[in-house]
Amino acid sequence: MSPILRTFVAINIPAHIRQELGRVQDLFRHADIAVRWIRPEGLHVTLKFLGEVEEERIPEIRGVMVEAARGASPFTLEITEVDAFPNARYPRIIWIGLEDASGELQRLQVKLEKGFRKLGFEPEERDYTPHLTMGRVAVSRGRGQLIRLLHTEKRRHGGIFEVSAVDLMRSTLKPTGAEYSLLESVPLGGPGS
């Protein structure tokens, strides 16, 4: 039996964007708010969470990624806002919104979703909302201050970055938080062989 890996397909964020987003986290950190922050080096745009898969399935997963990436061109994403799920009044997740002006991210995500459905992976129940998860609100302590910060920091231009590949990531859960490692990287628009 092959080892089991916890995996997801993502877009990794360039270092200069992660650094800027770390500064956004610092603004919130200085407030007395109970949030479990994602380390800046772990920030990514999830395209599809696959969950636990046998290592021997990695080649077929890569095949779906190659097929989806083949028809895609490199594109840019823009950091647009700081917000919360389910909403700013009752925040559970603090996230950064992304603008996909070309629509390429949405098309890529749909192709991946269809390809993974053919491999037996469960489809997402909710519509895809491109975002970066910044932190998870642990308890309601400081909720009023968090709501005020979300309101004042809502419109934030954190930069523009180019996306030229999709990555298959491994997530290892540890007491200090999830650690991510790259398993495969597939360039957009390439032959993918």
C-alpha atoms as a PDB file:
ATOM      1  CA  MET A   1       0.000   0.000   0.000  1.00  0.00           C
ATOM      2  CA  SER A   2       1.249   3.423  -0.993  1.00  0.00           C
ATOM      3  CA  PRO A   3       1.765   6.204   1.606  1.00  0.00           C
ATOM      4  CA  ILE A   4      -1.162   8.586   2.110  1.00  0.00           C
ATOM      5  CA  LEU A   5      -0.552  12.283   1.421  1.00  0.00           C
ATOM      6  CA  ARG A   6      -2.822  15.233   2.268  1.00  0.00           C
ATOM      7  CA  THR A   7      -2.819  17.285  -0.939  1.00  0.00           C
ATOM      8  CA  PHE A   8      -4.226  20.291  -2.745  1.00  0.00           C
ATOM      9  CA  VAL A   9      -3.658  22.167  -6.001  1.00  0.00           C
ATOM     10  CA  ALA A  10      -2.654  25.800  -5.578  1.00  0.00           C
ATOM     11  CA  ILE A  11      -1.002  28.898  -6.912  1.00  0.00           C
ATOM     12  CA  ASN A  12       1.973  29.848  -4.802  1.00  0.00           C
ATOM     13  CA  ILE A  13       2.478  33.529  -4.084  1.00  0.00           C
ATOM     14  CA  PRO A  14       5.720  35.388  -4.920  1.00  0.00           C
ATOM     15  CA  ALA A  15       7.927  36.421  -1.991  1.00  0.00           C
ATOM     16  CA  HIS A  16       7.331  40.181  -2.389  1.00  0.00           C
ATOM     17  CA  ILE A  17       3.543  39.679  -2.169  1.00  0.00           C
ATOM     18  CA  ARG A  18       3.887  37.364   0.858  1.00  0.00           C
ATOM     19  CA  GLN A  19       6.004  40.054   2.533  1.00  0.00           C
ATOM     20  CA  GLU A  20       3.355  42.722   1.919  1.00  0.00           C
ATOM     21  CA  LEU A  21       0.609  40.423   3.213  1.00  0.00           C
ATOM     22  CA  GLY A  22       2.703  39.758   6.318  1.00  0.00           C
ATOM     23  CA  ARG A  23       2.558  43.520   6.959  1.00  0.00           C
ATOM     24  CA  VAL A  24      -1.239  43.382   6.671  1.00  0.00           C
ATOM     25  CA  GLN A  25      -1.275  40.583   9.246  1.00  0.00           C
ATOM     26  CA  ASP A  26       0.908  42.712  11.531  1.00  0.00           C
ATOM     27  CA  LEU A  27      -1.725  45.485  11.503  1.00  0.00           C
ATOM     28  CA  PHE A  28      -4.241  42.990  12.868  1.00  0.00           C
ATOM     29  CA  ARG A  29      -1.751  41.331  15.219  1.00  0.00           C
ATOM     30  CA  HIS A  30      -1.252  44.558  17.165  1.00  0.00           C
ATOM     31  CA  ALA A  31      -4.916  44.467  18.139  1.00  0.00           C
ATOM     32  CA  ASP A  32      -6.044  42.140  20.917  1.00  0.00           C
ATOM     33  CA  ILE A  33      -7.749  39.676  18.582  1.00  0.00           C
ATOM     34  CA  ALA A  34      -7.607  35.891  18.930  1.00  0.00           C
ATOM     35  CA  VAL A  35      -6.635  34.822  15.403  1.00  0.00           C
ATOM     36  CA  ARG A  36      -4.527  31.844  14.282  1.00  0.00           C
ATOM     37  CA  TRP A  37      -2.510  33.445  11.511  1.00  0.00           C
ATOM     38  CA  ILE A  38      -1.212  31.607   8.466  1.00  0.00           C
ATOM     39  CA  ARG A  39       2.534  32.132   8.236  1.00  0.00           C
ATOM     40  CA  PRO A  40       3.336  34.341   5.207  1.00  0.00           C
ATOM     41  CA  GLU A  41       5.436  31.576   3.636  1.00  0.00           C
ATOM     42  CA  GLY A  42       2.337  29.355   3.687  1.00  0.00           C
ATOM     43  CA  LEU A  43       0.039  31.780   1.846  1.00  0.00           C
ATOM     44  CA  HIS A  44      -1.340  30.389  -1.397  1.00  0.00           C
ATOM     45  CA  VAL A  45      -4.440  30.426  -3.594  1.00  0.00           C
ATOM     46  CA  THR A  46      -6.169  27.052  -3.317  1.00  0.00           C
ATOM     47  CA  LEU A  47      -7.633  25.839  -6.595  1.00  0.00           C
ATOM     48  CA  LYS A  48      -8.749  22.396  -5.413  1.00  0.00           C
ATOM     49  CA  PHE A  49      -8.393  20.613  -2.076  1.00  0.00           C
ATOM     50  CA  LEU A  50      -7.939  16.913  -2.816  1.00  0.00           C
ATOM     51  CA  GLY A  51      -7.573  15.644   0.732  1.00  0.00           C
ATOM     52  CA  GLU A  52      -5.848  12.391   1.555  1.00  0.00           C
ATOM     53  CA  VAL A  53      -4.659  10.508  -1.513  1.00  0.00           C
ATOM     54  CA  GLU A  54      -2.386   7.542  -2.053  1.00  0.00           C
ATOM     55  CA  GLU A  55       1.031   8.557  -3.330  1.00  0.00           C
ATOM     56  CA  GLU A  56       0.614   6.257  -6.339  1.00  0.00           C
ATOM     57  CA  ARG A  57      -2.200   8.557  -7.587  1.00  0.00           C
ATOM     58  CA  ILE A  58       0.152  11.530  -7.990  1.00  0.00           C
ATOM     59  CA  PRO A  59       0.835  10.819 -11.716  1.00  0.00           C
ATOM     60  CA  GLU A  60      -2.897  10.845 -12.582  1.00  0.00           C
ATOM     61  CA  ILE A  61      -3.387  14.007 -10.510  1.00  0.00           C
ATOM     62  CA  ARG A  62      -0.498  15.595 -12.393  1.00  0.00           C
ATOM     63  CA  GLY A  63      -2.177  14.511 -15.642  1.00  0.00           C
ATOM     64  CA  VAL A  64      -5.293  16.525 -14.781  1.00  0.00           C
ATOM     65  CA  MET A  65      -3.103  19.509 -13.921  1.00  0.00           C
ATOM     66  CA  VAL A  66      -1.190  19.225 -17.214  1.00  0.00           C
ATOM     67  CA  GLU A  67      -4.413  19.044 -19.234  1.00  0.00           C
ATOM     68  CA  ALA A  68      -5.921  22.075 -17.460  1.00  0.00           C
ATOM     69  CA  ALA A  69      -2.690  24.088 -17.718  1.00  0.00           C
ATOM     70  CA  ARG A  70      -2.153  23.268 -21.387  1.00  0.00           C
ATOM     71  CA  GLY A  71      -5.068  25.456 -22.439  1.00  0.00           C
ATOM     72  CA  ALA A  72      -4.262  28.302 -20.037  1.00  0.00           C
ATOM     73  CA  SER A  73      -1.987  31.284 -20.524  1.00  0.00           C
ATOM     74  CA  PRO A  74      -0.007  33.022 -17.784  1.00  0.00           C
ATOM     75  CA  PHE A  75      -2.144  35.728 -16.175  1.00  0.00           C
ATOM     76  CA  THR A  76      -2.058  38.323 -13.424  1.00  0.00           C
ATOM     77  CA  LEU A  77      -3.925  38.538 -10.133  1.00  0.00           C
ATOM     78  CA  GLU A  78      -4.419  41.688  -8.102  1.00  0.00           C
ATOM     79  CA  ILE A  79      -4.813  41.924  -4.325  1.00  0.00           C
ATOM     80  CA  THR A  80      -8.026  43.889  -3.784  1.00  0.00           C
ATOM     81  CA  GLU A  81      -9.419  43.784  -0.256  1.00  0.00           C
ATOM     82  CA  VAL A  82      -9.318  42.394   3.248  1.00  0.00           C
ATOM     83  CA  ASP A  83     -12.563  40.726   4.282  1.00  0.00           C
ATOM     84  CA  ALA A  84     -13.990  37.854   6.313  1.00  0.00           C
ATOM     85  CA  PHE A  85     -16.054  34.713   5.853  1.00  0.00           C
ATOM     86  CA  PRO A  86     -18.957  34.321   6.422  1.00  0.00           C
ATOM     87  CA  ASN A  87     -19.086  38.142   6.740  1.00  0.00           C
ATOM     88  CA  ALA A  88     -17.372  41.056   8.507  1.00  0.00           C
ATOM     89  CA  ARG A  89     -19.944  41.160  11.331  1.00  0.00           C
ATOM     90  CA  TYR A  90     -19.328  37.526  12.298  1.00  0.00           C
ATOM     91  CA  PRO A  91     -15.795  36.829  11.089  1.00  0.00           C
ATOM     92  CA  ARG A  92     -14.482  33.252  11.197  1.00  0.00           C
ATOM     93  CA  ILE A  93     -11.862  33.477   8.431  1.00  0.00           C
ATOM     94  CA  ILE A  94      -9.881  36.595   7.517  1.00  0.00           C
ATOM     95  CA  TRP A  95      -9.053  36.584   3.832  1.00  0.00           C
ATOM     96  CA  ILE A  96      -7.605  38.688   1.036  1.00  0.00           C
ATOM     97  CA  GLY A  97      -9.627  39.077  -2.144  1.00  0.00           C
ATOM     98  CA  LEU A  98      -8.142  38.668  -5.607  1.00  0.00           C
ATOM     99  CA  GLU A  99      -9.133  40.289  -8.891  1.00  0.00           C
ATOM    100  CA  ASP A 100      -8.949  37.971 -11.895  1.00  0.00           C
ATOM    101  CA  ALA A 101      -9.470  40.563 -14.652  1.00  0.00           C
ATOM    102  CA  SER A 102      -8.716  38.109 -17.480  1.00  0.00           C
ATOM    103  CA  GLY A 103     -11.022  35.383 -16.142  1.00  0.00           C
ATOM    104  CA  GLU A 104      -8.163  32.916 -16.632  1.00  0.00           C
ATOM    105  CA  LEU A 105      -8.086  31.842 -12.965  1.00  0.00           C
ATOM    106  CA  GLN A 106     -11.789  30.992 -13.025  1.00  0.00           C
ATOM    107  CA  ARG A 107     -11.416  29.008 -16.271  1.00  0.00           C
ATOM    108  CA  LEU A 108      -8.405  27.139 -14.891  1.00  0.00           C
ATOM    109  CA  GLN A 109     -10.235  26.252 -11.681  1.00  0.00           C
ATOM    110  CA  VAL A 110     -13.266  24.958 -13.630  1.00  0.00           C
ATOM    111  CA  LYS A 111     -11.025  22.752 -15.819  1.00  0.00           C
ATOM    112  CA  LEU A 112      -9.295  21.346 -12.745  1.00  0.00           C
ATOM    113  CA  GLU A 113     -12.619  20.708 -11.012  1.00  0.00           C
ATOM    114  CA  LYS A 114     -13.968  18.810 -14.042  1.00  0.00           C
ATOM    115  CA  GLY A 115     -10.785  16.776 -14.432  1.00  0.00           C
ATOM    116  CA  PHE A 116     -10.674  15.798 -10.775  1.00  0.00           C
ATOM    117  CA  ARG A 117     -14.364  14.867 -10.803  1.00  0.00           C
ATOM    118  CA  LYS A 118     -13.527  12.317 -13.535  1.00  0.00           C
ATOM    119  CA  LEU A 119     -10.926  10.835 -11.166  1.00  0.00           C
ATOM    120  CA  GLY A 120     -13.575  10.438  -8.459  1.00  0.00           C
ATOM    121  CA  PHE A 121     -12.824  13.500  -6.321  1.00  0.00           C
ATOM    122  CA  GLU A 122     -15.857  15.176  -4.786  1.00  0.00           C
ATOM    123  CA  PRO A 123     -16.858  18.435  -6.488  1.00  0.00           C
ATOM    124  CA  GLU A 124     -16.943  21.628  -4.448  1.00  0.00           C
ATOM    125  CA  GLU A 125     -20.430  22.475  -3.233  1.00  0.00           C
ATOM    126  CA  ARG A 126     -19.867  26.245  -3.151  1.00  0.00           C
ATOM    127  CA  ASP A 127     -18.987  28.569  -5.997  1.00  0.00           C
ATOM    128  CA  TYR A 128     -15.267  29.221  -6.238  1.00  0.00           C
ATOM    129  CA  THR A 129     -14.182  32.507  -4.623  1.00  0.00           C
ATOM    130  CA  PRO A 130     -10.506  33.249  -5.312  1.00  0.00           C
ATOM    131  CA  HIS A 131      -8.863  34.375  -2.081  1.00  0.00           C
ATOM    132  CA  LEU A 132      -5.900  33.989   0.246  1.00  0.00           C
ATOM    133  CA  THR A 133      -6.761  32.777   3.754  1.00  0.00           C
ATOM    134  CA  MET A 134      -4.827  35.003   6.162  1.00  0.00           C
ATOM    135  CA  GLY A 135      -6.059  33.636   9.481  1.00  0.00           C
ATOM    136  CA  ARG A 136      -8.794  31.862  11.381  1.00  0.00           C
ATOM    137  CA  VAL A 137     -10.625  33.656  14.177  1.00  0.00           C
ATOM    138  CA  ALA A 138     -10.147  31.467  17.252  1.00  0.00           C
ATOM    139  CA  VAL A 139     -12.692  33.018  19.642  1.00  0.00           C
ATOM    140  CA  SER A 140     -14.888  36.091  19.692  1.00  0.00           C
ATOM    141  CA  ARG A 141     -12.497  38.033  21.977  1.00  0.00           C
ATOM    142  CA  GLY A 142     -11.774  41.377  20.340  1.00  0.00           C
ATOM    143  CA  ARG A 143     -14.502  40.919  17.744  1.00  0.00           C
ATOM    144  CA  GLY A 144     -15.486  44.610  17.846  1.00  0.00           C
ATOM    145  CA  GLN A 145     -11.917  45.690  17.208  1.00  0.00           C
ATOM    146  CA  LEU A 146     -11.591  43.117  14.421  1.00  0.00           C
ATOM    147  CA  ILE A 147     -14.756  44.433  12.766  1.00  0.00           C
ATOM    148  CA  ARG A 148     -13.381  48.011  12.925  1.00  0.00           C
ATOM    149  CA  LEU A 149     -10.054  46.905  11.426  1.00  0.00           C
ATOM    150  CA  LEU A 150     -11.812  45.005   8.644  1.00  0.00           C
ATOM    151  CA  HIS A 151     -13.777  48.162   7.850  1.00  0.00           C
ATOM    152  CA  THR A 152     -10.730  50.484   7.806  1.00  0.00           C
ATOM    153  CA  GLU A 153      -8.478  48.038   5.928  1.00  0.00           C
ATOM    154  CA  LYS A 154     -11.164  46.721   3.557  1.00  0.00           C
ATOM    155  CA  ARG A 155      -9.864  48.420   0.422  1.00  0.00           C
ATOM    156  CA  ARG A 156      -6.223  47.550   0.201  1.00  0.00           C
ATOM    157  CA  HIS A 157      -4.017  47.378  -2.847  1.00  0.00           C
ATOM    158  CA  GLY A 158      -1.420  44.756  -2.018  1.00  0.00           C
ATOM    159  CA  GLY A 159       0.075  44.386  -5.438  1.00  0.00           C
ATOM    160  CA  ILE A 160      -0.206  42.534  -8.698  1.00  0.00           C
ATOM    161  CA  PHE A 161       1.548  39.282  -9.473  1.00  0.00           C
ATOM    162  CA  GLU A 162       1.878  36.961 -12.438  1.00  0.00           C
ATOM    163  CA  VAL A 163       0.720  33.369 -12.319  1.00  0.00           C
ATOM    164  CA  SER A 164       2.699  31.065 -14.599  1.00  0.00           C
ATOM    165  CA  ALA A 165       2.230  27.640 -12.975  1.00  0.00           C
ATOM    166  CA  VAL A 166      -0.085  25.501 -10.866  1.00  0.00           C
ATOM    167  CA  ASP A 167       1.381  23.484  -8.029  1.00  0.00           C
ATOM    168  CA  LEU A 168       0.462  20.235  -6.336  1.00  0.00           C
ATOM    169  CA  MET A 169       1.125  20.738  -2.651  1.00  0.00           C
ATOM    170  CA  ARG A 170       1.425  18.419   0.313  1.00  0.00           C
ATOM    171  CA  SER A 171       0.008  19.578   3.629  1.00  0.00           C
ATOM    172  CA  THR A 172       1.473  18.115   6.805  1.00  0.00           C
ATOM    173  CA  LEU A 173      -0.523  18.936   9.930  1.00  0.00           C
ATOM    174  CA  LYS A 174       1.595  19.791  12.972  1.00  0.00           C
ATOM    175  CA  PRO A 175       0.783  21.287  16.386  1.00  0.00           C
ATOM    176  CA  THR A 176       2.308  24.575  15.191  1.00  0.00           C
ATOM    177  CA  GLY A 177       0.084  24.631  12.097  1.00  0.00           C
ATOM    178  CA  ALA A 178       0.095  23.125   8.633  1.00  0.00           C
ATOM    179  CA  GLU A 179       3.377  22.920   6.749  1.00  0.00           C
ATOM    180  CA  TYR A 180       3.304  22.869   2.965  1.00  0.00           C
ATOM    181  CA  SER A 181       5.734  21.298   0.532  1.00  0.00           C
ATOM    182  CA  LEU A 182       5.775  21.278  -3.258  1.00  0.00           C
ATOM    183  CA  LEU A 183       5.177  17.901  -4.928  1.00  0.00           C
ATOM    184  CA  GLU A 184       4.716  18.933  -8.583  1.00  0.00           C
ATOM    185  CA  SER A 185       4.693  22.174 -10.558  1.00  0.00           C
ATOM    186  CA  VAL A 186       3.047  22.451 -13.980  1.00  0.00           C
ATOM    187  CA  PRO A 187       3.657  25.527 -16.183  1.00  0.00           C
ATOM    188  CA  LEU A 188       0.684  27.235 -17.784  1.00  0.00           C
ATOM    189  CA  GLY A 189       0.434  27.016 -21.547  1.00  0.00           C
ATOM    190  CA  GLY A 190       3.306  24.579 -21.873  1.00  0.00           C
ATOM    191  CA  PRO A 191       3.389  21.173 -23.523  1.00  0.00           C
ATOM    192  CA  GLY A 192       3.210  19.649 -20.025  1.00  0.00           C
ATOM    193  CA  SER A 193       5.182  16.543 -20.775  1.00  0.00           C
END
